[in-house]
Amino acid sequence: MEEMNCNELVERVTDCLEEALDPDSLMKLLDHLQICVGCDNYFNEVLVTLKVISKLPDTSVPNDTETKLLAVYDEWTKGATV
């Protein structure tokens, strides 16, 4: 079985947390976390961030602010390269 590298782990963390990884990929990710301190730290930081975010109050953004943010985002994505 081919090992997962750090870049692959970062790309797959969301899938892991959403329980969307196939068993082989999950095993590779868990194996990598056992041997890579940096990725283990990163994974734990993501978990802590999600825990903190889940405790924030649910607030809505005023409509005019949302409209302005979406316009800025649209302009930004026009300049983005794929």
C-alpha atoms as a PDB file:
ATOM      1  CA  MET A   1       0.000   0.000   0.000  1.00  0.00           C
ATOM      2  CA  GLU A   2       1.397   3.381  -1.071  1.00  0.00           C
ATOM      3  CA  GLU A   3       1.876   5.912   1.730  1.00  0.00           C
ATOM      4  CA  MET A   4       0.019   9.215   1.862  1.00  0.00           C
ATOM      5  CA  ASN A   5       2.192  12.337   1.769  1.00  0.00           C
ATOM      6  CA  CYS A   6       1.595  15.595   3.636  1.00  0.00           C
ATOM      7  CA  ASN A   7      -0.023  17.397   0.679  1.00  0.00           C
ATOM      8  CA  GLU A   8      -2.456  14.542   0.135  1.00  0.00           C
ATOM      9  CA  LEU A   9      -3.345  14.509   3.814  1.00  0.00           C
ATOM     10  CA  VAL A  10      -4.155  18.221   3.801  1.00  0.00           C
ATOM     11  CA  GLU A  11      -6.362  17.699   0.737  1.00  0.00           C
ATOM     12  CA  ARG A  12      -8.194  14.772   2.391  1.00  0.00           C
ATOM     13  CA  VAL A  13      -8.790  16.132   5.921  1.00  0.00           C
ATOM     14  CA  THR A  14     -12.266  17.429   5.079  1.00  0.00           C
ATOM     15  CA  ASP A  15     -13.217  14.098   3.517  1.00  0.00           C
ATOM     16  CA  CYS A  16     -11.967  12.351   6.630  1.00  0.00           C
ATOM     17  CA  LEU A  17     -13.974  14.556   8.961  1.00  0.00           C
ATOM     18  CA  GLU A  18     -17.063  14.086   6.806  1.00  0.00           C
ATOM     19  CA  GLU A  19     -16.482  10.316   6.893  1.00  0.00           C
ATOM     20  CA  ALA A  20     -16.256  10.325   3.114  1.00  0.00           C
ATOM     21  CA  LEU A  21     -12.951   8.465   2.728  1.00  0.00           C
ATOM     22  CA  ASP A  22     -12.823   4.921   1.458  1.00  0.00           C
ATOM     23  CA  PRO A  23     -11.289   2.464   3.966  1.00  0.00           C
ATOM     24  CA  ASP A  24      -7.928   2.339   2.159  1.00  0.00           C
ATOM     25  CA  SER A  25      -7.565   6.133   2.094  1.00  0.00           C
ATOM     26  CA  LEU A  26      -8.626   6.398   5.725  1.00  0.00           C
ATOM     27  CA  MET A  27      -5.987   3.864   6.722  1.00  0.00           C
ATOM     28  CA  LYS A  28      -3.318   5.768   4.769  1.00  0.00           C
ATOM     29  CA  LEU A  29      -4.340   9.015   6.443  1.00  0.00           C
ATOM     30  CA  LEU A  30      -4.296   7.491   9.932  1.00  0.00           C
ATOM     31  CA  ASP A  31      -0.949   5.816   9.248  1.00  0.00           C
ATOM     32  CA  HIS A  32       0.500   9.143   8.100  1.00  0.00           C
ATOM     33  CA  LEU A  33      -0.740  10.876  11.245  1.00  0.00           C
ATOM     34  CA  GLN A  34       1.145   8.286  13.297  1.00  0.00           C
ATOM     35  CA  ILE A  35       4.484   9.110  11.667  1.00  0.00           C
ATOM     36  CA  CYS A  36       4.205  12.835  10.850  1.00  0.00           C
ATOM     37  CA  VAL A  37       4.151  15.240  13.779  1.00  0.00           C
ATOM     38  CA  GLY A  38       3.418  18.230  11.532  1.00  0.00           C
ATOM     39  CA  CYS A  39       0.335  16.642   9.994  1.00  0.00           C
ATOM     40  CA  ASP A  40      -0.823  15.352  13.369  1.00  0.00           C
ATOM     41  CA  ASN A  41      -0.578  18.920  14.710  1.00  0.00           C
ATOM     42  CA  TYR A  42      -2.425  20.244  11.655  1.00  0.00           C
ATOM     43  CA  PHE A  43      -5.205  17.676  12.013  1.00  0.00           C
ATOM     44  CA  ASN A  44      -5.638  18.498  15.696  1.00  0.00           C
ATOM     45  CA  GLU A  45      -5.703  22.236  14.921  1.00  0.00           C
ATOM     46  CA  VAL A  46      -8.513  21.622  12.437  1.00  0.00           C
ATOM     47  CA  LEU A  47     -10.430  19.669  15.095  1.00  0.00           C
ATOM     48  CA  VAL A  48      -9.979  22.440  17.672  1.00  0.00           C
ATOM     49  CA  THR A  49     -11.011  25.088  15.127  1.00  0.00           C
ATOM     50  CA  LEU A  50     -14.189  23.179  14.292  1.00  0.00           C
ATOM     51  CA  LYS A  51     -14.984  22.753  17.975  1.00  0.00           C
ATOM     52  CA  VAL A  52     -14.552  26.492  18.626  1.00  0.00           C
ATOM     53  CA  ILE A  53     -16.535  27.480  15.540  1.00  0.00           C
ATOM     54  CA  SER A  54     -19.392  25.171  16.496  1.00  0.00           C
ATOM     55  CA  LYS A  55     -19.796  27.111  19.760  1.00  0.00           C
ATOM     56  CA  LEU A  56     -20.112  30.517  18.090  1.00  0.00           C
ATOM     57  CA  PRO A  57     -23.583  32.039  18.020  1.00  0.00           C
ATOM     58  CA  ASP A  58     -25.417  31.808  14.737  1.00  0.00           C
ATOM     59  CA  THR A  59     -25.582  35.355  13.428  1.00  0.00           C
ATOM     60  CA  SER A  60     -26.747  36.522  10.070  1.00  0.00           C
ATOM     61  CA  VAL A  61     -25.025  39.019   7.823  1.00  0.00           C
ATOM     62  CA  PRO A  62     -27.067  42.074   6.828  1.00  0.00           C
ATOM     63  CA  ASN A  63     -28.301  41.827   3.227  1.00  0.00           C
ATOM     64  CA  ASP A  64     -26.349  44.870   2.017  1.00  0.00           C
ATOM     65  CA  THR A  65     -23.129  43.466   3.525  1.00  0.00           C
ATOM     66  CA  GLU A  66     -23.743  40.094   1.898  1.00  0.00           C
ATOM     67  CA  THR A  67     -24.337  41.754  -1.461  1.00  0.00           C
ATOM     68  CA  LYS A  68     -21.097  43.748  -1.160  1.00  0.00           C
ATOM     69  CA  LEU A  69     -19.087  40.676  -0.124  1.00  0.00           C
ATOM     70  CA  LEU A  70     -20.460  38.635  -3.007  1.00  0.00           C
ATOM     71  CA  ALA A  71     -19.550  41.422  -5.441  1.00  0.00           C
ATOM     72  CA  VAL A  72     -15.989  41.527  -4.101  1.00  0.00           C
ATOM     73  CA  TYR A  73     -15.762  37.738  -4.345  1.00  0.00           C
ATOM     74  CA  ASP A  74     -17.075  37.765  -7.922  1.00  0.00           C
ATOM     75  CA  GLU A  75     -14.460  40.343  -8.916  1.00  0.00           C
ATOM     76  CA  TRP A  76     -11.726  38.347  -7.162  1.00  0.00           C
ATOM     77  CA  THR A  77     -12.667  35.097  -8.916  1.00  0.00           C
ATOM     78  CA  LYS A  78     -12.608  36.792 -12.311  1.00  0.00           C
ATOM     79  CA  GLY A  79      -8.894  37.383 -11.804  1.00  0.00           C
ATOM     80  CA  ALA A  80      -8.184  33.907 -10.425  1.00  0.00           C
ATOM     81  CA  THR A  81      -6.387  31.368 -12.579  1.00  0.00           C
ATOM     82  CA  VAL A  82      -7.320  27.728 -12.674  1.00  0.00           C
END
